[in-house]
Protein backbone atom coordinates (compact mmCIF):
# COMPACT_ATOMS: atom_id res chain seq x y z
CA MET A 1 9.59 1.08 -119.11
CA LYS A 2 5.88 1.26 -119.83
CA GLU A 3 3.60 -0.05 -117.11
CA THR A 4 0.82 -2.25 -118.45
CA LYS A 5 -2.59 -2.27 -116.87
CA SER A 6 -4.49 -5.42 -116.13
CA ARG A 7 -7.69 -6.17 -118.02
CA GLU A 8 -9.68 -5.41 -114.84
CA GLU A 9 -7.97 -2.04 -114.44
CA ARG A 10 -8.69 -1.11 -118.06
CA ILE A 11 -12.36 -2.12 -117.70
CA ALA A 12 -12.71 -0.21 -114.43
CA GLU A 13 -11.17 2.85 -116.08
CA LEU A 14 -13.64 2.65 -118.99
CA LEU A 15 -16.60 2.26 -116.65
CA SER A 16 -15.58 4.96 -114.20
CA PRO A 17 -17.58 8.19 -114.25
CA SER A 18 -16.32 10.84 -116.67
CA ALA A 19 -15.64 14.51 -115.96
CA ASP A 20 -19.02 15.24 -117.55
CA ASP A 21 -20.70 12.78 -115.17
CA ILE A 22 -19.03 14.41 -112.16
CA ILE A 23 -20.14 17.94 -113.02
CA ALA A 24 -23.63 16.75 -114.05
CA ALA A 25 -24.05 15.01 -110.69
CA ILE A 26 -22.93 18.12 -108.82
CA VAL A 27 -25.37 20.22 -110.86
CA ALA A 28 -28.19 17.83 -109.94
CA PHE A 29 -27.42 18.33 -106.24
CA LEU A 30 -27.51 22.14 -106.59
CA PRO A 31 -30.71 24.22 -106.49
CA GLN A 32 -32.40 24.55 -109.89
CA VAL A 33 -31.14 28.12 -110.35
CA PHE A 34 -27.57 29.15 -109.57
CA SER A 35 -24.95 31.68 -110.68
CA ALA A 36 -23.29 31.14 -114.06
CA ASP A 37 -20.38 33.43 -113.19
CA TYR A 38 -17.39 31.65 -114.71
CA GLN A 39 -14.84 33.27 -112.41
CA THR A 40 -16.74 32.17 -109.32
CA ILE A 41 -17.27 28.64 -110.65
CA HIS A 42 -13.64 28.16 -111.68
CA ARG A 43 -12.30 29.65 -108.43
CA ALA A 44 -14.57 27.40 -106.38
CA PHE A 45 -13.55 24.22 -108.21
CA ALA A 46 -9.86 25.17 -108.02
CA THR A 47 -10.29 25.57 -104.24
CA PHE A 48 -12.18 22.26 -103.93
CA LYS A 49 -9.50 20.43 -105.90
CA GLN A 50 -6.93 21.50 -103.30
CA LYS A 51 -8.99 19.88 -100.52
CA LYS A 52 -7.85 16.35 -99.83
CA GLU A 53 -11.40 14.99 -99.62
CA TYR A 54 -12.18 16.04 -103.22
CA GLN A 55 -8.86 15.36 -104.95
CA ASP A 56 -9.93 11.94 -106.19
CA ILE A 57 -13.24 13.18 -107.59
CA LEU A 58 -11.67 16.24 -109.25
CA GLN A 59 -8.38 14.65 -110.33
CA ASP A 60 -9.01 15.20 -114.06
CA PHE A 61 -9.58 18.94 -113.66
CA GLU A 62 -6.37 20.91 -114.12
CA PHE A 63 -6.29 24.63 -113.45
CA VAL A 64 -3.98 27.10 -115.15
CA GLY A 65 -3.04 30.56 -114.03
CA THR A 66 -4.35 32.63 -111.18
CA SER A 67 -4.97 35.96 -112.88
CA PRO A 68 -7.67 37.02 -113.19
CA TYR A 69 -8.77 33.59 -111.88
CA PRO A 70 -7.72 29.93 -112.00
CA TYR A 71 -9.13 28.43 -115.19
CA SER A 72 -9.84 24.82 -116.14
CA PRO A 73 -10.24 24.17 -119.86
CA LEU A 74 -11.86 20.82 -119.03
CA LEU A 75 -14.41 22.40 -116.68
CA GLU A 76 -15.24 24.96 -119.38
CA ARG A 77 -15.76 22.21 -121.98
CA VAL A 78 -17.89 20.13 -119.60
CA LEU A 79 -20.18 23.07 -118.80
CA SER A 80 -20.53 23.73 -122.51
CA ARG A 81 -21.33 20.06 -123.27
CA LEU A 82 -23.94 19.95 -120.50
CA GLN A 83 -25.63 22.92 -122.16
CA GLU A 84 -25.39 21.28 -125.60
CA ASP A 85 -27.00 18.15 -124.11
CA ARG A 86 -29.72 20.34 -122.54
CA LEU A 87 -28.90 19.16 -119.03
CA LEU A 88 -28.01 22.74 -118.12
CA SER A 89 -29.20 26.01 -119.60
CA ALA A 90 -28.36 29.67 -119.17
CA ARG A 91 -31.15 32.21 -118.84
CA ASN A 92 -31.30 34.97 -121.47
CA PRO A 93 -30.60 37.78 -122.08
CA ASP A 94 -27.44 38.07 -120.00
CA TYR A 95 -26.68 34.41 -119.16
CA GLN A 96 -25.89 35.23 -115.52
CA VAL A 97 -27.68 32.21 -114.08
CA TYR A 98 -27.80 28.53 -114.92
CA LEU A 99 -31.04 26.57 -114.78
CA THR A 100 -31.78 22.88 -114.55
CA SER A 101 -35.21 21.61 -115.46
CA ASP A 102 -37.03 18.85 -113.62
CA THR A 103 -36.58 16.67 -116.71
CA SER A 104 -32.82 17.18 -116.85
CA ARG A 105 -32.45 16.59 -113.10
CA THR A 106 -34.41 13.34 -113.40
CA ALA A 107 -32.26 12.23 -116.34
CA ILE A 108 -29.07 12.95 -114.39
CA GLN A 109 -30.38 11.08 -111.35
CA GLN A 110 -31.47 8.05 -113.37
CA ARG A 111 -28.61 7.80 -115.88
CA ILE A 112 -25.58 9.45 -114.35
CA ILE A 113 -25.66 9.45 -110.56
CA THR A 114 -26.16 5.67 -110.61
CA LYS A 115 -22.57 5.35 -111.95
CA PHE A 116 -21.15 6.51 -108.61
CA SER A 117 -20.52 4.54 -105.44
CA GLU A 118 -22.34 5.59 -102.26
CA LEU A 119 -19.12 7.20 -100.96
CA GLN A 120 -18.69 9.15 -104.19
CA LYS A 121 -22.33 10.28 -104.07
CA ARG A 122 -21.83 11.59 -100.53
CA LYS A 123 -18.70 13.47 -101.63
CA LEU A 124 -20.46 14.94 -104.64
CA LYS A 125 -23.42 16.03 -102.53
CA LYS A 126 -21.12 17.63 -99.95
CA LEU A 127 -19.18 19.39 -102.70
CA ALA A 128 -22.46 20.68 -104.16
CA GLU A 129 -23.47 21.99 -100.72
CA GLU A 130 -20.19 23.91 -100.49
CA LEU A 131 -20.57 25.16 -104.05
CA GLU A 132 -24.12 26.30 -103.31
CA LYS A 133 -22.77 28.70 -100.68
CA VAL A 134 -20.90 30.63 -103.38
CA LEU A 135 -23.28 30.23 -106.33
CA VAL A 136 -26.71 30.81 -104.80
CA GLU A 137 -27.72 34.21 -103.52
């Protein structure tokens, strides 16, 4: 039997932050330059998703496999879309680091981070602090 959602639940679902919003907010809380190593990024997010405190924020991110590293197709697509939207860029010639400009950080803070509750913002900031430990040399 199919469970129907109330109008309020459907509206809340439509207004809730997307996977793109979540990763963009985390990026805005990171330093402006950080590692673009996919293995490290995917491993870190797979580890964070297992932590109870981040399961709600990262619920949409599914990870497949463990060899050579856990991989999330959604995380990969989000990182790509953030680059297409110029909120994130990779430095040439080897694309080993991501960069965020002052303009993109301001846009994220004004248009995206405002979608989150204060509790969610604290979680995202804490997650970014943990991620910084593995992505910033």
